[in-house]
Protein backbone atom coordinates (compact mmCIF):
# COMPACT_ATOMS: atom_id res chain seq x y z
CA MET A 1 -29.62 159.41 -167.92
CA LEU A 2 -29.17 161.95 -165.14
CA LEU A 3 -29.80 164.82 -167.55
CA ILE A 4 -32.62 163.28 -169.60
CA LEU A 5 -34.69 161.49 -166.91
CA PRO A 6 -35.99 164.62 -165.07
CA VAL A 7 -37.01 166.26 -168.34
CA PHE A 8 -38.67 163.05 -169.56
CA LEU A 9 -40.56 162.53 -166.28
CA THR A 10 -41.71 166.17 -166.28
CA ILE A 11 -43.10 165.71 -169.78
CA VAL A 12 -44.82 162.42 -168.88
CA PHE A 13 -46.36 163.80 -165.68
CA SER A 14 -47.46 166.99 -167.47
CA ILE A 15 -49.27 164.89 -170.09
CA MET A 16 -51.02 162.94 -167.33
CA GLU A 17 -51.94 166.19 -165.55
CA MET A 18 -53.40 167.63 -168.78
CA GLY A 19 -55.52 164.47 -169.05
CA ASN A 20 -56.74 165.00 -165.47
CA ILE A 21 -57.59 168.64 -166.21
CA ALA A 22 -59.38 167.67 -169.43
CA PHE A 23 -61.42 165.08 -167.52
CA TRP A 24 -62.54 167.67 -164.95
CA VAL A 25 -63.36 170.26 -167.64
CA ILE A 26 -65.63 167.71 -169.34
CA MET A 27 -67.24 166.74 -166.01
CA ILE A 28 -67.93 170.35 -165.01
CA ASN A 29 -69.31 171.19 -168.46
CA HIS A 30 -71.61 168.15 -168.28
CA ALA A 31 -72.77 168.87 -164.73
CA THR A 32 -73.46 172.54 -165.54
CA TYR A 33 -75.40 171.57 -168.66
CA GLU A 34 -77.55 169.09 -166.71
CA CYS A 35 -78.27 171.70 -164.03
CA ALA A 36 -79.20 174.27 -166.68
CA ARG A 37 -81.47 171.79 -168.47
CA VAL A 38 -83.39 170.93 -165.32
CA GLY A 39 -83.45 174.54 -164.13
CA ALA A 40 -84.78 175.81 -167.46
CA MET A 41 -87.66 173.33 -167.35
CA ARG A 42 -88.56 174.22 -163.75
CA ALA A 43 -87.97 178.00 -163.86
CA TRP A 44 -91.35 178.99 -165.34
CA PRO A 45 -93.11 181.30 -164.48
CA ILE A 46 -90.31 183.86 -164.20
CA ASN A 47 -92.45 186.66 -162.75
CA GLY A 48 -94.76 184.58 -160.61
CA GLY A 49 -93.11 182.63 -157.84
CA GLY A 50 -90.85 180.38 -159.86
CA SER A 51 -87.80 182.55 -160.32
CA PRO A 52 -84.54 180.90 -161.34
CA ASN A 53 -83.05 181.93 -157.99
CA ASP A 54 -85.55 179.58 -156.33
CA MET A 55 -84.34 176.79 -158.59
CA THR A 56 -80.75 177.05 -157.37
CA SER A 57 -81.33 174.60 -154.52
CA GLY A 58 -82.63 171.93 -156.90
CA MET A 59 -79.80 172.56 -159.33
CA ASP A 60 -77.32 172.50 -156.45
CA ALA A 61 -78.49 169.00 -155.51
CA ILE A 62 -77.97 167.84 -159.09
CA MET A 63 -74.50 169.40 -159.18
CA LYS A 64 -73.58 167.73 -155.87
CA SER A 65 -74.76 164.35 -157.20
CA ILE A 66 -72.40 164.66 -160.18
CA ILE A 67 -69.49 166.56 -158.56
CA ALA A 68 -69.28 166.48 -154.77
CA ASN A 69 -67.58 169.87 -154.30
CA GLY A 70 -69.28 171.63 -157.23
CA LYS A 71 -70.86 175.07 -156.83
CA ILE A 72 -73.65 176.56 -158.92
CA LYS A 73 -75.00 180.07 -159.55
CA SER A 74 -77.88 181.05 -161.81
CA HIS A 75 -79.77 184.09 -163.06
CA SER A 76 -82.27 184.85 -165.79
CA VAL A 77 -81.69 187.05 -168.82
CA GLN A 78 -84.50 188.63 -170.80
CA THR A 79 -84.30 187.88 -174.52
CA ASP A 80 -86.51 188.74 -177.52
CA PHE A 81 -90.27 189.15 -177.40
CA ASP A 82 -92.13 186.39 -179.29
CA PRO A 83 -94.94 188.10 -181.25
CA GLN A 84 -96.48 184.78 -182.31
CA ALA A 85 -96.99 183.61 -178.74
CA SER A 86 -97.34 187.15 -177.34
CA GLN A 87 -94.88 186.50 -174.55
CA GLN A 88 -91.43 187.55 -173.42
CA ASN A 89 -88.69 184.93 -173.68
CA TYR A 90 -86.03 184.33 -171.03
CA ASP A 91 -82.76 182.45 -170.84
CA LEU A 92 -81.41 180.83 -167.71
CA VAL A 93 -77.66 181.37 -167.30
CA VAL A 94 -76.03 178.77 -165.06
CA GLU A 95 -72.42 179.00 -163.93
CA GLY A 96 -70.84 175.93 -162.38
CA SER A 97 -67.41 175.67 -160.80
CA SER A 98 -65.32 173.24 -158.83
CA ASP A 99 -61.90 173.16 -157.21
CA VAL A 100 -59.69 170.56 -158.87
CA GLN A 101 -56.80 168.92 -157.10
CA MET A 102 -53.62 168.78 -159.17
CA LEU A 103 -51.94 165.38 -159.06
CA PHE A 104 -48.24 166.09 -159.49
CA PRO A 105 -46.13 168.81 -157.83
CA ILE A 106 -44.17 169.96 -160.89
CA SER A 107 -47.21 170.13 -163.17
CA SER A 108 -49.04 171.92 -160.35
CA ILE A 109 -46.45 174.68 -160.62
CA LEU A 110 -46.59 174.71 -164.42
CA PHE A 111 -50.40 174.67 -164.88
CA SER A 112 -51.73 176.67 -161.94
CA SER A 113 -52.23 180.40 -162.24
CA PRO A 114 -52.63 183.08 -159.55
CA VAL A 115 -56.11 183.94 -160.86
CA GLY A 116 -57.62 180.44 -160.86
CA CYS A 117 -55.67 179.05 -157.94
CA PRO A 118 -56.52 180.39 -154.47
CA GLN A 119 -53.18 179.29 -153.04
CA GLY A 120 -51.18 180.89 -155.86
CA PRO A 121 -48.94 179.08 -158.32
CA GLY A 122 -48.02 175.61 -157.12
CA GLY A 123 -50.85 175.57 -154.55
CA GLY A 124 -52.12 172.19 -155.70
CA LYS A 125 -55.73 173.24 -156.42
CA CYS A 126 -57.29 175.30 -159.17
CA THR A 127 -60.85 176.33 -159.95
CA ILE A 128 -62.39 175.23 -163.22
CA SER A 129 -65.69 176.79 -164.24
CA ALA A 130 -68.27 176.51 -167.01
CA SER A 131 -71.21 178.64 -168.08
CA VAL A 132 -74.33 177.43 -169.91
CA ARG A 133 -77.17 179.54 -171.29
CA MET A 134 -80.45 177.65 -171.75
CA PRO A 135 -83.84 179.00 -172.92
CA VAL A 136 -86.56 178.74 -170.27
CA GLU A 137 -89.33 176.37 -171.34
CA GLN A 138 -92.61 178.28 -171.33
CA PRO A 139 -96.03 176.81 -172.04
CA LEU A 140 -97.93 178.51 -174.86
CA SER A 141 -101.24 178.32 -172.99
CA GLN A 142 -101.27 179.78 -169.50
């Protein structure tokens, strides 16, 4: 029992920690998608006062309502010209991130990395991020 119990508990706690990480990955992906969806609908016109950078505050409020310590960044990317509508298309790229608290000390050492964890391996927190690219909704008649 003395030899098997630590290994067994490490495996059990690691499985629970992977479930916690999976939960936060899904939450951050969902929150980033919702921010991108709202930002893409509100970001038009790109060249006339409604730049995606102005939308960051509105998207930040949405991110904070879903994840309290979530952070959001956004920028626009020019895509193909639409000859049918005679207009340039844009995509809004939204990057969301959040620091996630690890639950168990041993799994914190196993799953944290120096790149994603500001405190280094075993620091107890790691940053999980997601990126969503959404086409900006543009009216055909201006």
